[in-house]
C-alpha atoms as a PDB file:
ATOM      1  CA  MET A   1     135.138-110.430 -40.101  1.00  0.00           C
ATOM      2  CA  ASN A   2     134.388-109.014 -43.650  1.00  0.00           C
ATOM      3  CA  ILE A   3     136.104-108.155 -46.733  1.00  0.00           C
ATOM      4  CA  SER A   4     135.676-104.524 -45.592  1.00  0.00           C
ATOM      5  CA  ASP A   5     137.818-105.430 -42.346  1.00  0.00           C
ATOM      6  CA  VAL A   6     140.667-105.767 -43.935  1.00  0.00           C
ATOM      7  CA  LEU A   7     140.594-104.388 -47.396  1.00  0.00           C
ATOM      8  CA  GLN A   8     141.175 -99.869 -47.235  1.00  0.00           C
ATOM      9  CA  PRO A   9     141.057 -97.980 -50.649  1.00  0.00           C
ATOM     10  CA  ASP A  10     144.899 -97.936 -50.798  1.00  0.00           C
ATOM     11  CA  ASP A  11     145.098-101.212 -51.173  1.00  0.00           C
ATOM     12  CA  VAL A  12     143.886-101.760 -54.219  1.00  0.00           C
ATOM     13  CA  ILE A  13     146.253-101.512 -57.077  1.00  0.00           C
ATOM     14  CA  LEU A  14     145.040-101.259 -60.251  1.00  0.00           C
ATOM     15  CA  GLY A  15     147.117-102.223 -63.567  1.00  0.00           C
ATOM     16  CA  LEU A  16     150.403-104.328 -62.234  1.00  0.00           C
ATOM     17  CA  GLN A  17     152.700-105.427 -64.388  1.00  0.00           C
ATOM     18  CA  VAL A  18     154.661-108.520 -63.962  1.00  0.00           C
ATOM     19  CA  GLU A  19     155.447-111.535 -65.539  1.00  0.00           C
ATOM     20  CA  GLY A  20     154.954-114.386 -63.820  1.00  0.00           C
ATOM     21  CA  LYS A  21     153.753-115.763 -60.179  1.00  0.00           C
ATOM     22  CA  THR A  22     156.771-115.422 -58.325  1.00  0.00           C
ATOM     23  CA  ARG A  23     156.731-111.492 -59.422  1.00  0.00           C
ATOM     24  CA  LEU A  24     154.030-110.896 -58.790  1.00  0.00           C
ATOM     25  CA  LEU A  25     153.844-112.106 -54.927  1.00  0.00           C
ATOM     26  CA  LYS A  26     157.080-110.390 -54.289  1.00  0.00           C
ATOM     27  CA  GLU A  27     155.420-107.004 -55.516  1.00  0.00           C
ATOM     28  CA  MET A  28     152.423-107.874 -53.120  1.00  0.00           C
ATOM     29  CA  ALA A  29     154.346-108.609 -50.581  1.00  0.00           C
ATOM     30  CA  ARG A  30     156.434-105.286 -50.924  1.00  0.00           C
ATOM     31  CA  HIS A  31     152.871-103.766 -50.771  1.00  0.00           C
ATOM     32  CA  ALA A  32     151.791-105.509 -47.669  1.00  0.00           C
ATOM     33  CA  ALA A  33     154.887-104.948 -45.597  1.00  0.00           C
ATOM     34  CA  ALA A  34     155.199-101.215 -46.155  1.00  0.00           C
ATOM     35  CA  ARG A  35     151.124-101.233 -44.952  1.00  0.00           C
ATOM     36  CA  THR A  36     151.451-103.838 -42.336  1.00  0.00           C
ATOM     37  CA  GLY A  37     155.258-103.354 -40.996  1.00  0.00           C
ATOM     38  CA  ALA A  38     155.723-106.823 -41.626  1.00  0.00           C
ATOM     39  CA  SER A  39     159.060-108.430 -43.546  1.00  0.00           C
ATOM     40  CA  ALA A  40     158.645-108.459 -47.210  1.00  0.00           C
ATOM     41  CA  ALA A  41     160.972-111.199 -47.350  1.00  0.00           C
ATOM     42  CA  GLU A  42     158.692-113.349 -44.295  1.00  0.00           C
ATOM     43  CA  ILE A  43     155.874-112.366 -46.554  1.00  0.00           C
ATOM     44  CA  THR A  44     156.972-113.242 -49.814  1.00  0.00           C
ATOM     45  CA  THR A  45     158.207-116.621 -48.180  1.00  0.00           C
ATOM     46  CA  ALA A  46     155.359-117.217 -46.566  1.00  0.00           C
ATOM     47  CA  LEU A  47     153.351-116.856 -49.502  1.00  0.00           C
ATOM     48  CA  ALA A  48     155.481-119.330 -51.411  1.00  0.00           C
ATOM     49  CA  SER A  49     155.412-121.587 -49.054  1.00  0.00           C
ATOM     50  CA  ARG A  50     151.176-122.051 -49.429  1.00  0.00           C
ATOM     51  CA  GLU A  51     152.096-122.213 -52.934  1.00  0.00           C
ATOM     52  CA  LYS A  52     153.792-124.836 -52.353  1.00  0.00           C
ATOM     53  CA  LEU A  53     151.006-126.917 -50.793  1.00  0.00           C
ATOM     54  CA  GLY A  54     148.887-126.294 -54.140  1.00  0.00           C
ATOM     55  CA  SER A  55     148.088-123.108 -56.124  1.00  0.00           C
ATOM     56  CA  THR A  56     145.768-120.947 -54.804  1.00  0.00           C
ATOM     57  CA  GLY A  57     144.554-119.857 -58.421  1.00  0.00           C
ATOM     58  CA  LEU A  58     140.232-119.872 -58.485  1.00  0.00           C
ATOM     59  CA  GLY A  59     140.163-120.582 -61.682  1.00  0.00           C
ATOM     60  CA  GLN A  60     138.216-118.295 -64.698  1.00  0.00           C
ATOM     61  CA  GLY A  61     141.718-115.293 -64.108  1.00  0.00           C
ATOM     62  CA  ILE A  62     141.324-115.491 -60.331  1.00  0.00           C
ATOM     63  CA  ALA A  63     143.607-116.269 -57.005  1.00  0.00           C
ATOM     64  CA  ILE A  64     143.693-115.293 -53.231  1.00  0.00           C
ATOM     65  CA  PRO A  65     146.955-115.922 -52.634  1.00  0.00           C
ATOM     66  CA  HIS A  66     147.263-116.014 -48.463  1.00  0.00           C
ATOM     67  CA  ALA A  67     148.811-116.794 -45.764  1.00  0.00           C
ATOM     68  CA  LYS A  68     149.665-116.511 -41.619  1.00  0.00           C
ATOM     69  CA  LEU A  69     152.186-114.793 -40.188  1.00  0.00           C
ATOM     70  CA  SER A  70     153.749-114.489 -36.673  1.00  0.00           C
ATOM     71  CA  GLY A  71     153.823-111.191 -35.279  1.00  0.00           C
ATOM     72  CA  LEU A  72     150.720-109.507 -38.076  1.00  0.00           C
ATOM     73  CA  GLN A  73     148.096-108.056 -35.460  1.00  0.00           C
ATOM     74  CA  ARG A  74     145.417-108.038 -37.486  1.00  0.00           C
ATOM     75  CA  PRO A  75     144.524-109.049 -41.099  1.00  0.00           C
ATOM     76  CA  PHE A  76     145.135-107.646 -44.052  1.00  0.00           C
ATOM     77  CA  GLY A  77     143.778-107.496 -48.088  1.00  0.00           C
ATOM     78  CA  ALA A  78     144.889-106.222 -51.502  1.00  0.00           C
ATOM     79  CA  PHE A  79     143.119-106.342 -54.349  1.00  0.00           C
ATOM     80  CA  VAL A  80     145.308-106.697 -57.359  1.00  0.00           C
ATOM     81  CA  ARG A  81     144.616-106.377 -61.277  1.00  0.00           C
ATOM     82  CA  LEU A  82     147.338-106.809 -63.524  1.00  0.00           C
ATOM     83  CA  VAL A  83     147.462-105.269 -67.301  1.00  0.00           C
ATOM     84  CA  THR A  84     148.292-108.793 -68.299  1.00  0.00           C
ATOM     85  CA  PRO A  85     147.115-112.178 -67.051  1.00  0.00           C
ATOM     86  CA  CYS A  86     150.059-114.452 -66.490  1.00  0.00           C
ATOM     87  CA  PRO A  87     150.777-117.663 -65.125  1.00  0.00           C
ATOM     88  CA  PHE A  88     149.197-118.992 -61.644  1.00  0.00           C
ATOM     89  CA  GLU A  89     149.292-122.683 -61.849  1.00  0.00           C
ATOM     90  CA  ALA A  90     145.108-122.027 -61.207  1.00  0.00           C
ATOM     91  CA  ILE A  91     143.174-124.899 -61.362  1.00  0.00           C
ATOM     92  CA  ASP A  92     141.608-124.369 -64.853  1.00  0.00           C
ATOM     93  CA  ASP A  93     144.909-123.503 -66.185  1.00  0.00           C
ATOM     94  CA  GLN A  94     144.198-119.865 -66.694  1.00  0.00           C
ATOM     95  CA  ASN A  95     146.155-117.080 -66.384  1.00  0.00           C
ATOM     96  CA  VAL A  96     145.167-114.727 -63.385  1.00  0.00           C
ATOM     97  CA  ASP A  97     144.426-110.871 -63.826  1.00  0.00           C
ATOM     98  CA  ILE A  98     142.150-110.591 -60.133  1.00  0.00           C
ATOM     99  CA  VAL A  99     144.058-111.069 -56.952  1.00  0.00           C
ATOM    100  CA  VAL A 100     143.651-110.750 -53.388  1.00  0.00           C
ATOM    101  CA  LEU A 101     146.094-111.174 -50.814  1.00  0.00           C
ATOM    102  CA  LEU A 102     145.131-112.402 -47.174  1.00  0.00           C
ATOM    103  CA  LEU A 103     147.308-111.617 -45.042  1.00  0.00           C
ATOM    104  CA  LEU A 104     146.242-113.187 -41.417  1.00  0.00           C
ATOM    105  CA  PRO A 105     148.115-113.246 -37.894  1.00  0.00           C
ATOM    106  CA  GLU A 106     149.542-116.906 -36.934  1.00  0.00           C
ATOM    107  CA  ALA A 107     147.127-117.232 -34.384  1.00  0.00           C
ATOM    108  CA  ALA A 108     143.929-116.550 -36.158  1.00  0.00           C
ATOM    109  CA  PRO A 109     140.769-117.338 -34.465  1.00  0.00           C
ATOM    110  CA  ARG A 110     138.052-119.026 -36.697  1.00  0.00           C
ATOM    111  CA  GLU A 111     136.514-115.392 -37.450  1.00  0.00           C
ATOM    112  CA  TYR A 112     139.382-114.532 -39.562  1.00  0.00           C
ATOM    113  CA  LEU A 113     140.342-117.836 -41.043  1.00  0.00           C
ATOM    114  CA  ASN A 114     136.008-117.903 -42.646  1.00  0.00           C
ATOM    115  CA  LEU A 115     137.332-114.433 -44.908  1.00  0.00           C
ATOM    116  CA  LEU A 116     138.788-116.590 -47.313  1.00  0.00           C
ATOM    117  CA  SER A 117     135.392-118.306 -48.146  1.00  0.00           C
ATOM    118  CA  LYS A 118     133.512-114.913 -47.897  1.00  0.00           C
ATOM    119  CA  VAL A 119     136.182-113.613 -50.483  1.00  0.00           C
ATOM    120  CA  ALA A 120     135.623-116.725 -52.698  1.00  0.00           C
ATOM    121  CA  GLN A 121     132.319-116.285 -52.910  1.00  0.00           C
ATOM    122  CA  THR A 122     132.243-112.529 -53.416  1.00  0.00           C
ATOM    123  CA  LEU A 123     134.407-113.107 -56.752  1.00  0.00           C
ATOM    124  CA  ARG A 124     132.287-115.744 -57.777  1.00  0.00           C
ATOM    125  CA  GLU A 125     129.343-113.274 -59.164  1.00  0.00           C
ATOM    126  CA  PRO A 126     130.765-112.954 -62.388  1.00  0.00           C
ATOM    127  CA  GLY A 127     129.023-109.455 -63.157  1.00  0.00           C
ATOM    128  CA  LEU A 128     131.064-108.295 -60.341  1.00  0.00           C
ATOM    129  CA  VAL A 129     134.091-109.855 -61.802  1.00  0.00           C
ATOM    130  CA  ALA A 130     133.802-108.047 -65.151  1.00  0.00           C
ATOM    131  CA  LYS A 131     133.015-104.824 -63.297  1.00  0.00           C
ATOM    132  CA  LEU A 132     136.522-105.445 -61.693  1.00  0.00           C
ATOM    133  CA  ARG A 133     138.171-105.796 -65.040  1.00  0.00           C
ATOM    134  CA  GLN A 134     136.622-103.069 -66.937  1.00  0.00           C
ATOM    135  CA  GLU A 135     136.754-100.389 -63.849  1.00  0.00           C
ATOM    136  CA  ASN A 136     139.611 -97.581 -63.536  1.00  0.00           C
ATOM    137  CA  ASP A 137     139.032 -96.258 -60.525  1.00  0.00           C
ATOM    138  CA  ALA A 138     140.723 -98.101 -57.259  1.00  0.00           C
ATOM    139  CA  ALA A 139     137.998 -96.207 -54.920  1.00  0.00           C
ATOM    140  CA  ILE A 140     134.897 -97.634 -57.302  1.00  0.00           C
ATOM    141  CA  VAL A 141     136.459-101.170 -57.493  1.00  0.00           C
ATOM    142  CA  HIS A 142     136.927-100.823 -53.462  1.00  0.00           C
ATOM    143  CA  ARG A 143     132.984 -99.712 -53.589  1.00  0.00           C
ATOM    144  CA  ARG A 144     132.043-102.503 -55.761  1.00  0.00           C
ATOM    145  CA  LEU A 145     133.913-105.335 -53.613  1.00  0.00           C
ATOM    146  CA  LEU A 146     132.148-104.074 -50.462  1.00  0.00           C
ATOM    147  CA  ALA A 147     128.743-103.578 -51.899  1.00  0.00           C
ATOM    148  CA  ALA A 148     129.507-107.090 -53.501  1.00  0.00           C
ATOM    149  CA  GLU A 149     130.063-108.564 -49.808  1.00  0.00           C
ATOM    150  CA  ARG A 150     127.289-106.877 -48.414  1.00  0.00           C
ATOM    151  CA  ALA A 151     124.674-107.969 -51.297  1.00  0.00           C
ATOM    152  CA  PRO A 152     125.788-110.112 -53.570  1.00  0.00           C
ATOM    153  CA  SER A 153     123.344-109.692 -56.505  1.00  0.00           C
ATOM    154  CA  ALA A 154     123.772-105.698 -55.934  1.00  0.00           C
ATOM    155  CA  ALA A 155     127.144-105.717 -57.533  1.00  0.00           C
END
């Protein structure tokens, strides 16, 4: 399972303005609900429950909130870049501005679970992240993410 399997161009959101982690999770859940047919409340609850186990803020301004959902037919991903970084309780205490949402079916096979590590590895490329922070065209951001997944050094 790859980023290209779960992230569509319509799920790249640039310039979202939120005041905190809770609002961010709710806004992402609302978008995901519209795209997957799942309930925004169920998604928000699942994400909040996962965050209670430990922040999904990786550091360096990046977070990958994720959760498993019953009834979800296939994995879903969204890329969000915030206008202003917001507190996210990341491991380095830095606010986040790059967020990748991942939702997986509750009975996710192992290949789905590997998706989380692929996303994290892709976002460890400093050159890619700098480009993602500057680019204002969602289609280009989408292409960069997919290209970086195939060949990280080419990002």
